[in-house]
PDB file of N, CA and C in Angstrom:
ATOM      1  N   MET A   1       4.412 -27.744 -24.196  1.00  0.00           N
ATOM      2  CA  MET A   1       4.804 -26.864 -23.341  1.00  0.00           C
ATOM      3  C   MET A   1       4.281 -25.660 -23.473  1.00  0.00           C
ATOM      4  N   HIS A   2       3.917 -24.769 -22.473  1.00  0.00           N
ATOM      5  CA  HIS A   2       3.377 -23.565 -22.754  1.00  0.00           C
ATOM      6  C   HIS A   2       4.448 -22.744 -22.827  1.00  0.00           C
ATOM      7  N   LYS A   3       4.152 -21.755 -23.694  1.00  0.00           N
ATOM      8  CA  LYS A   3       5.095 -20.581 -24.098  1.00  0.00           C
ATOM      9  C   LYS A   3       5.330 -19.698 -22.936  1.00  0.00           C
ATOM     10  N   ASN A   4       4.740 -19.752 -21.745  1.00  0.00           N
ATOM     11  CA  ASN A   4       5.062 -18.695 -20.873  1.00  0.00           C
ATOM     12  C   ASN A   4       5.861 -19.572 -19.705  1.00  0.00           C
ATOM     13  N   GLU A   5       6.254 -20.752 -19.645  1.00  0.00           N
ATOM     14  CA  GLU A   5       6.704 -21.373 -18.555  1.00  0.00           C
ATOM     15  C   GLU A   5       8.097 -21.297 -18.823  1.00  0.00           C
ATOM     16  N   LYS A   6       9.045 -20.909 -17.770  1.00  0.00           N
ATOM     17  CA  LYS A   6      10.448 -20.849 -17.680  1.00  0.00           C
ATOM     18  C   LYS A   6      10.993 -22.412 -17.719  1.00  0.00           C
ATOM     19  N   LEU A   7      11.940 -22.329 -18.906  1.00  0.00           N
ATOM     20  CA  LEU A   7      12.512 -23.703 -19.126  1.00  0.00           C
ATOM     21  C   LEU A   7      14.000 -23.658 -18.403  1.00  0.00           C
ATOM     22  N   ILE A   8      14.414 -24.886 -18.050  1.00  0.00           N
ATOM     23  CA  ILE A   8      15.837 -24.740 -17.182  1.00  0.00           C
ATOM     24  C   ILE A   8      16.556 -25.954 -17.963  1.00  0.00           C
ATOM     25  N   THR A   9      17.828 -25.838 -17.926  1.00  0.00           N
ATOM     26  CA  THR A   9      18.669 -26.490 -18.569  1.00  0.00           C
ATOM     27  C   THR A   9      18.970 -27.559 -17.620  1.00  0.00           C
ATOM     28  N   ILE A  10      18.693 -28.890 -17.827  1.00  0.00           N
ATOM     29  CA  ILE A  10      18.909 -29.904 -16.929  1.00  0.00           C
ATOM     30  C   ILE A  10      20.285 -30.784 -17.366  1.00  0.00           C
ATOM     31  N   GLY A  11      20.336 -30.661 -18.509  1.00  0.00           N
ATOM     32  CA  GLY A  11      21.705 -31.468 -19.136  1.00  0.00           C
ATOM     33  C   GLY A  11      22.125 -30.802 -20.280  1.00  0.00           C
ATOM     34  N   GLU A  12      23.446 -31.083 -20.540  1.00  0.00           N
ATOM     35  CA  GLU A  12      24.208 -30.863 -21.768  1.00  0.00           C
ATOM     36  C   GLU A  12      25.060 -32.068 -22.231  1.00  0.00           C
ATOM     37  N   PHE A  13      24.611 -32.073 -23.489  1.00  0.00           N
ATOM     38  CA  PHE A  13      25.456 -33.458 -24.425  1.00  0.00           C
ATOM     39  C   PHE A  13      26.091 -32.792 -25.299  1.00  0.00           C
ATOM     40  N   GLY A  14      27.159 -33.963 -25.653  1.00  0.00           N
ATOM     41  CA  GLY A  14      27.902 -33.865 -26.979  1.00  0.00           C
ATOM     42  C   GLY A  14      27.109 -34.251 -28.206  1.00  0.00           C
ATOM     43  N   TYR A  15      26.455 -35.361 -27.986  1.00  0.00           N
ATOM     44  CA  TYR A  15      25.690 -35.844 -28.862  1.00  0.00           C
ATOM     45  C   TYR A  15      24.201 -35.566 -28.795  1.00  0.00           C
ATOM     46  N   ASP A  16      23.503 -35.582 -29.958  1.00  0.00           N
ATOM     47  CA  ASP A  16      22.103 -35.210 -29.800  1.00  0.00           C
ATOM     48  C   ASP A  16      21.408 -36.729 -29.528  1.00  0.00           C
ATOM     49  N   ALA A  17      22.110 -37.824 -30.201  1.00  0.00           N
ATOM     50  CA  ALA A  17      21.015 -38.933 -29.729  1.00  0.00           C
ATOM     51  C   ALA A  17      21.016 -39.219 -28.103  1.00  0.00           C
ATOM     52  N   ASP A  18      22.297 -38.670 -27.364  1.00  0.00           N
ATOM     53  CA  ASP A  18      22.209 -38.974 -25.655  1.00  0.00           C
ATOM     54  C   ASP A  18      21.190 -38.003 -25.345  1.00  0.00           C
ATOM     55  N   ALA A  19      21.032 -36.681 -25.821  1.00  0.00           N
ATOM     56  CA  ALA A  19      20.164 -35.732 -25.391  1.00  0.00           C
ATOM     57  C   ALA A  19      18.842 -36.207 -25.372  1.00  0.00           C
ATOM     58  N   HIS A  20      18.245 -36.980 -26.703  1.00  0.00           N
ATOM     59  CA  HIS A  20      17.302 -37.497 -26.850  1.00  0.00           C
ATOM     60  C   HIS A  20      16.656 -38.691 -26.112  1.00  0.00           C
ATOM     61  N   LEU A  21      17.610 -39.489 -25.990  1.00  0.00           N
ATOM     62  CA  LEU A  21      17.595 -40.490 -24.851  1.00  0.00           C
ATOM     63  C   LEU A  21      17.289 -40.212 -23.486  1.00  0.00           C
ATOM     64  N   ALA A  22      18.026 -39.134 -23.086  1.00  0.00           N
ATOM     65  CA  ALA A  22      17.476 -38.610 -21.907  1.00  0.00           C
ATOM     66  C   ALA A  22      16.074 -37.908 -21.701  1.00  0.00           C
ATOM     67  N   ARG A  23      15.618 -37.534 -22.859  1.00  0.00           N
ATOM     68  CA  ARG A  23      14.304 -36.777 -23.026  1.00  0.00           C
ATOM     69  C   ARG A  23      13.331 -37.850 -23.010  1.00  0.00           C
ATOM     70  N   ILE A  24      13.587 -39.070 -23.686  1.00  0.00           N
ATOM     71  CA  ILE A  24      12.612 -40.132 -23.789  1.00  0.00           C
ATOM     72  C   ILE A  24      12.475 -40.656 -22.288  1.00  0.00           C
ATOM     73  N   ALA A  25      13.596 -40.915 -21.456  1.00  0.00           N
ATOM     74  CA  ALA A  25      13.200 -41.441 -20.272  1.00  0.00           C
ATOM     75  C   ALA A  25      12.369 -40.213 -19.250  1.00  0.00           C
ATOM     76  N   LEU A  26      12.644 -39.189 -19.517  1.00  0.00           N
ATOM     77  CA  LEU A  26      11.849 -37.969 -18.733  1.00  0.00           C
ATOM     78  C   LEU A  26      10.407 -37.992 -19.126  1.00  0.00           C
ATOM     79  N   GLU A  27      10.095 -38.422 -20.424  1.00  0.00           N
ATOM     80  CA  GLU A  27       8.825 -38.129 -21.014  1.00  0.00           C
ATOM     81  C   GLU A  27       8.014 -39.664 -20.443  1.00  0.00           C
ATOM     82  N   VAL A  28       8.794 -40.661 -20.283  1.00  0.00           N
ATOM     83  CA  VAL A  28       7.878 -41.834 -19.798  1.00  0.00           C
ATOM     84  C   VAL A  28       7.707 -41.715 -18.438  1.00  0.00           C
ATOM     85  N   GLU A  29       8.107 -40.767 -17.674  1.00  0.00           N
ATOM     86  CA  GLU A  29       8.040 -40.492 -16.349  1.00  0.00           C
ATOM     87  C   GLU A  29       6.831 -39.557 -16.308  1.00  0.00           C
ATOM     88  N   GLY A  30       6.398 -38.895 -17.522  1.00  0.00           N
ATOM     89  CA  GLY A  30       5.521 -37.962 -17.576  1.00  0.00           C
ATOM     90  C   GLY A  30       5.963 -36.505 -17.199  1.00  0.00           C
ATOM     91  N   ILE A  31       7.119 -36.235 -17.499  1.00  0.00           N
ATOM     92  CA  ILE A  31       7.829 -34.937 -17.419  1.00  0.00           C
ATOM     93  C   ILE A  31       8.246 -34.575 -18.908  1.00  0.00           C
ATOM     94  N   GLU A  32       7.584 -33.446 -19.397  1.00  0.00           N
ATOM     95  CA  GLU A  32       7.924 -32.812 -20.705  1.00  0.00           C
ATOM     96  C   GLU A  32       9.059 -32.330 -20.620  1.00  0.00           C
ATOM     97  N   ALA A  33       9.641 -32.576 -21.731  1.00  0.00           N
ATOM     98  CA  ALA A  33      11.197 -32.081 -21.893  1.00  0.00           C
ATOM     99  C   ALA A  33      11.387 -31.730 -23.766  1.00  0.00           C
ATOM    100  N   CYS A  34      12.395 -30.795 -23.620  1.00  0.00           N
ATOM    101  CA  CYS A  34      12.927 -30.460 -25.207  1.00  0.00           C
ATOM    102  C   CYS A  34      14.239 -30.603 -25.398  1.00  0.00           C
ATOM    103  N   VAL A  35      14.763 -30.650 -26.350  1.00  0.00           N
ATOM    104  CA  VAL A  35      16.205 -30.708 -26.797  1.00  0.00           C
ATOM    105  C   VAL A  35      16.513 -29.532 -27.613  1.00  0.00           C
ATOM    106  N   MET A  36      17.323 -28.614 -27.393  1.00  0.00           N
ATOM    107  CA  MET A  36      17.686 -27.671 -28.006  1.00  0.00           C
ATOM    108  C   MET A  36      19.154 -27.841 -28.212  1.00  0.00           C
ATOM    109  N   GLY A  37      19.564 -27.123 -29.672  1.00  0.00           N
ATOM    110  CA  GLY A  37      20.697 -27.170 -30.147  1.00  0.00           C
ATOM    111  C   GLY A  37      21.014 -28.454 -31.139  1.00  0.00           C
ATOM    112  N   ASP A  38      20.260 -29.462 -31.330  1.00  0.00           N
ATOM    113  CA  ASP A  38      20.745 -30.637 -31.626  1.00  0.00           C
ATOM    114  C   ASP A  38      20.673 -30.684 -33.239  1.00  0.00           C
ATOM    115  N   PHE A  39      20.126 -29.491 -34.052  1.00  0.00           N
ATOM    116  CA  PHE A  39      20.435 -29.539 -35.562  1.00  0.00           C
ATOM    117  C   PHE A  39      21.699 -28.764 -35.493  1.00  0.00           C
ATOM    118  N   LEU A  40      22.607 -28.121 -34.499  1.00  0.00           N
ATOM    119  CA  LEU A  40      23.972 -28.126 -34.778  1.00  0.00           C
ATOM    120  C   LEU A  40      25.008 -29.161 -34.421  1.00  0.00           C
ATOM    121  N   ALA A  41      24.693 -30.296 -33.831  1.00  0.00           N
ATOM    122  CA  ALA A  41      25.472 -31.423 -33.585  1.00  0.00           C
ATOM    123  C   ALA A  41      26.030 -31.830 -34.765  1.00  0.00           C
ATOM    124  N   GLY A  42      27.529 -31.910 -34.720  1.00  0.00           N
ATOM    125  CA  GLY A  42      28.058 -32.606 -35.539  1.00  0.00           C
ATOM    126  C   GLY A  42      28.698 -31.350 -36.666  1.00  0.00           C
ATOM    127  N   THR A  43      28.341 -30.185 -36.312  1.00  0.00           N
ATOM    128  CA  THR A  43      28.651 -29.312 -37.537  1.00  0.00           C
ATOM    129  C   THR A  43      29.926 -28.597 -37.237  1.00  0.00           C
ATOM    130  N   PRO A  44      31.104 -28.966 -37.743  1.00  0.00           N
ATOM    131  CA  PRO A  44      32.418 -28.371 -37.458  1.00  0.00           C
ATOM    132  C   PRO A  44      32.555 -26.744 -37.470  1.00  0.00           C
ATOM    133  N   LYS A  45      31.842 -26.285 -38.321  1.00  0.00           N
ATOM    134  CA  LYS A  45      31.592 -24.998 -38.405  1.00  0.00           C
ATOM    135  C   LYS A  45      31.467 -24.178 -37.302  1.00  0.00           C
ATOM    136  N   PHE A  46      30.810 -24.570 -36.222  1.00  0.00           N
ATOM    137  CA  PHE A  46      30.445 -24.062 -35.290  1.00  0.00           C
ATOM    138  C   PHE A  46      31.035 -24.567 -33.779  1.00  0.00           C
ATOM    139  N   GLY A  47      32.067 -25.197 -34.114  1.00  0.00           N
ATOM    140  CA  GLY A  47      32.867 -25.857 -33.038  1.00  0.00           C
ATOM    141  C   GLY A  47      32.207 -26.956 -32.459  1.00  0.00           C
ATOM    142  N   ILE A  48      32.195 -27.343 -30.926  1.00  0.00           N
ATOM    143  CA  ILE A  48      31.611 -28.109 -30.379  1.00  0.00           C
ATOM    144  C   ILE A  48      30.499 -27.785 -29.869  1.00  0.00           C
ATOM    145  N   PRO A  49      29.296 -27.906 -30.423  1.00  0.00           N
ATOM    146  CA  PRO A  49      28.212 -27.382 -30.023  1.00  0.00           C
ATOM    147  C   PRO A  49      27.514 -28.366 -28.795  1.00  0.00           C
ATOM    148  N   LYS A  50      26.928 -27.726 -27.672  1.00  0.00           N
ATOM    149  CA  LYS A  50      26.553 -28.321 -26.777  1.00  0.00           C
ATOM    150  C   LYS A  50      24.794 -28.749 -26.756  1.00  0.00           C
ATOM    151  N   VAL A  51      24.442 -29.818 -26.900  1.00  0.00           N
ATOM    152  CA  VAL A  51      22.892 -29.917 -26.929  1.00  0.00           C
ATOM    153  C   VAL A  51      22.352 -29.980 -25.837  1.00  0.00           C
ATOM    154  N   GLU A  52      21.454 -29.148 -25.312  1.00  0.00           N
ATOM    155  CA  GLU A  52      20.946 -28.868 -24.191  1.00  0.00           C
ATOM    156  C   GLU A  52      19.417 -29.659 -24.082  1.00  0.00           C
ATOM    157  N   LEU A  53      19.335 -30.534 -22.840  1.00  0.00           N
ATOM    158  CA  LEU A  53      18.053 -30.762 -22.499  1.00  0.00           C
ATOM    159  C   LEU A  53      17.427 -29.844 -21.374  1.00  0.00           C
ATOM    160  N   LYS A  54      15.979 -29.559 -21.772  1.00  0.00           N
ATOM    161  CA  LYS A  54      15.314 -28.686 -20.966  1.00  0.00           C
ATOM    162  C   LYS A  54      14.170 -29.183 -20.383  1.00  0.00           C
ATOM    163  N   VAL A  55      13.903 -28.614 -19.162  1.00  0.00           N
ATOM    164  CA  VAL A  55      12.478 -29.106 -18.578  1.00  0.00           C
ATOM    165  C   VAL A  55      11.758 -27.652 -18.075  1.00  0.00           C
ATOM    166  N   LYS A  56      10.434 -27.919 -17.559  1.00  0.00           N
ATOM    167  CA  LYS A  56       9.884 -26.987 -16.925  1.00  0.00           C
ATOM    168  C   LYS A  56      10.785 -26.590 -15.665  1.00  0.00           C
ATOM    169  N   ALA A  57      10.589 -25.416 -15.129  1.00  0.00           N
ATOM    170  CA  ALA A  57      11.301 -25.290 -13.939  1.00  0.00           C
ATOM    171  C   ALA A  57      10.384 -26.151 -12.633  1.00  0.00           C
ATOM    172  N   SER A  58       9.240 -26.103 -12.775  1.00  0.00           N
ATOM    173  CA  SER A  58       8.329 -26.954 -11.860  1.00  0.00           C
ATOM    174  C   SER A  58       8.871 -28.377 -11.759  1.00  0.00           C
ATOM    175  N   ASP A  59       9.303 -28.681 -12.858  1.00  0.00           N
ATOM    176  CA  ASP A  59       9.538 -30.098 -12.997  1.00  0.00           C
ATOM    177  C   ASP A  59      11.019 -30.516 -12.607  1.00  0.00           C
ATOM    178  N   ILE A  60      11.939 -29.671 -12.404  1.00  0.00           N
ATOM    179  CA  ILE A  60      13.341 -29.791 -12.229  1.00  0.00           C
ATOM    180  C   ILE A  60      13.727 -30.919 -11.192  1.00  0.00           C
ATOM    181  N   GLU A  61      13.072 -30.734 -10.093  1.00  0.00           N
ATOM    182  CA  GLU A  61      13.758 -31.925  -8.825  1.00  0.00           C
ATOM    183  C   GLU A  61      13.317 -33.185  -9.510  1.00  0.00           C
ATOM    184  N   LYS A  62      11.935 -33.497 -10.037  1.00  0.00           N
ATOM    185  CA  LYS A  62      11.604 -34.844 -10.584  1.00  0.00           C
ATOM    186  C   LYS A  62      12.553 -35.415 -11.520  1.00  0.00           C
ATOM    187  N   ALA A  63      12.739 -34.280 -12.400  1.00  0.00           N
ATOM    188  CA  ALA A  63      13.625 -34.686 -13.621  1.00  0.00           C
ATOM    189  C   ALA A  63      15.026 -35.262 -13.209  1.00  0.00           C
ATOM    190  N   ARG A  64      15.606 -34.339 -12.143  1.00  0.00           N
ATOM    191  CA  ARG A  64      16.865 -34.677 -11.669  1.00  0.00           C
ATOM    192  C   ARG A  64      16.868 -36.162 -11.347  1.00  0.00           C
ATOM    193  N   GLN A  65      15.780 -36.626 -10.568  1.00  0.00           N
ATOM    194  CA  GLN A  65      15.904 -37.906  -9.926  1.00  0.00           C
ATOM    195  C   GLN A  65      15.604 -38.911 -10.820  1.00  0.00           C
ATOM    196  N   VAL A  66      14.872 -38.653 -11.853  1.00  0.00           N
ATOM    197  CA  VAL A  66      14.815 -39.647 -13.084  1.00  0.00           C
ATOM    198  C   VAL A  66      15.997 -39.634 -13.684  1.00  0.00           C
ATOM    199  N   LEU A  67      16.872 -38.647 -14.098  1.00  0.00           N
ATOM    200  CA  LEU A  67      17.869 -38.762 -14.884  1.00  0.00           C
ATOM    201  C   LEU A  67      19.015 -39.614 -13.682  1.00  0.00           C
ATOM    202  N   ALA A  68      19.212 -39.067 -12.599  1.00  0.00           N
ATOM    203  CA  ALA A  68      19.982 -40.120 -11.784  1.00  0.00           C
ATOM    204  C   ALA A  68      19.935 -41.289 -11.616  1.00  0.00           C
ATOM    205  N   GLN A  69      18.628 -41.720 -11.702  1.00  0.00           N
ATOM    206  CA  GLN A  69      18.660 -43.310 -11.767  1.00  0.00           C
ATOM    207  C   GLN A  69      18.847 -43.778 -12.785  1.00  0.00           C
ATOM    208  N   GLY A  70      19.127 -43.187 -14.075  1.00  0.00           N
ATOM    209  CA  GLY A  70      19.435 -43.770 -15.307  1.00  0.00           C
ATOM    210  C   GLY A  70      20.943 -43.862 -15.521  1.00  0.00           C
ATOM    211  N   LYS A  71      21.712 -43.269 -14.663  1.00  0.00           N
ATOM    212  CA  LYS A  71      23.077 -43.231 -14.457  1.00  0.00           C
ATOM    213  C   LYS A  71      23.779 -44.554 -14.110  1.00  0.00           C
TER     214      LYS A  71
END
Protein backbone atom coordinates (compact mmCIF):
# COMPACT_ATOMS: atom_id res chain seq x y z
CA MET A 1 0.00 0.00 0.00
CA HIS A 2 1.14 3.51 -0.67
CA LYS A 3 1.68 5.53 2.46
CA ASN A 4 -0.34 8.54 1.18
CA GLU A 5 -3.52 6.59 0.50
CA LYS A 6 -6.31 6.89 3.03
CA LEU A 7 -7.20 3.62 4.74
CA ILE A 8 -10.77 2.88 5.78
CA THR A 9 -11.77 0.37 8.45
CA ILE A 10 -14.05 -2.12 6.77
CA GLY A 11 -14.44 -4.50 9.69
CA GLU A 12 -13.72 -5.02 13.37
CA PHE A 13 -13.09 -8.46 14.79
CA GLY A 14 -12.68 -9.92 18.25
CA TYR A 15 -10.13 -12.45 17.04
CA ASP A 16 -7.10 -11.82 14.86
CA ALA A 17 -7.64 -15.10 12.96
CA ASP A 18 -11.05 -13.88 11.74
CA ALA A 19 -9.55 -10.61 10.55
CA HIS A 20 -6.77 -12.41 8.69
CA LEU A 21 -9.25 -14.77 6.99
CA ALA A 22 -11.21 -11.74 5.76
CA ARG A 23 -7.94 -10.12 4.60
CA ILE A 24 -7.05 -13.22 2.61
CA ALA A 25 -10.52 -13.27 0.98
CA LEU A 26 -10.00 -9.66 -0.13
CA GLU A 27 -6.48 -10.28 -1.40
CA VAL A 28 -7.67 -13.26 -3.48
CA GLU A 29 -9.96 -10.75 -5.24
CA GLY A 30 -7.06 -8.36 -5.84
CA ILE A 31 -7.87 -5.94 -3.00
CA GLU A 32 -4.96 -4.93 -0.80
CA ALA A 33 -5.89 -5.10 2.86
CA CYS A 34 -4.14 -4.87 6.21
CA VAL A 35 -4.93 -5.96 9.74
CA MET A 36 -4.31 -3.53 12.58
CA GLY A 37 -4.25 -4.35 16.27
CA ASP A 38 -3.73 -8.08 15.95
CA PHE A 39 -0.73 -7.94 18.26
CA LEU A 40 -3.09 -6.91 21.11
CA ALA A 41 -5.63 -9.68 20.57
CA GLY A 42 -5.99 -11.80 23.67
CA THR A 43 -4.12 -9.35 25.87
CA PRO A 44 -6.24 -8.93 29.02
CA LYS A 45 -4.20 -5.90 30.10
CA PHE A 46 -5.82 -3.87 27.30
CA GLY A 47 -9.38 -5.11 27.76
CA ILE A 48 -11.06 -6.57 24.70
CA PRO A 49 -9.25 -5.03 21.74
CA LYS A 50 -10.82 -4.77 18.34
CA VAL A 51 -8.76 -6.06 15.48
CA GLU A 52 -9.40 -3.82 12.48
CA LEU A 53 -9.37 -4.75 8.81
CA LYS A 54 -8.50 -1.81 6.58
CA VAL A 55 -8.59 -1.21 2.83
CA LYS A 56 -7.83 1.73 0.56
CA ALA A 57 -10.72 4.18 0.25
CA SER A 58 -10.84 3.52 -3.49
CA ASP A 59 -11.50 -0.20 -2.84
CA ILE A 60 -14.17 0.13 -0.15
CA GLU A 61 -17.22 -0.76 -2.28
CA LYS A 62 -15.63 -3.78 -3.93
CA ALA A 63 -14.32 -4.93 -0.54
CA ARG A 64 -17.79 -4.70 1.00
CA GLN A 65 -19.19 -6.82 -1.82
CA VAL A 66 -16.50 -9.46 -1.38
CA LEU A 67 -17.01 -9.67 2.37
CA ALA A 68 -20.81 -9.78 2.00
CA GLN A 69 -20.49 -12.81 -0.27
CA GLY A 70 -18.51 -14.63 2.39
CA LYS A 71 -21.19 -14.34 5.10
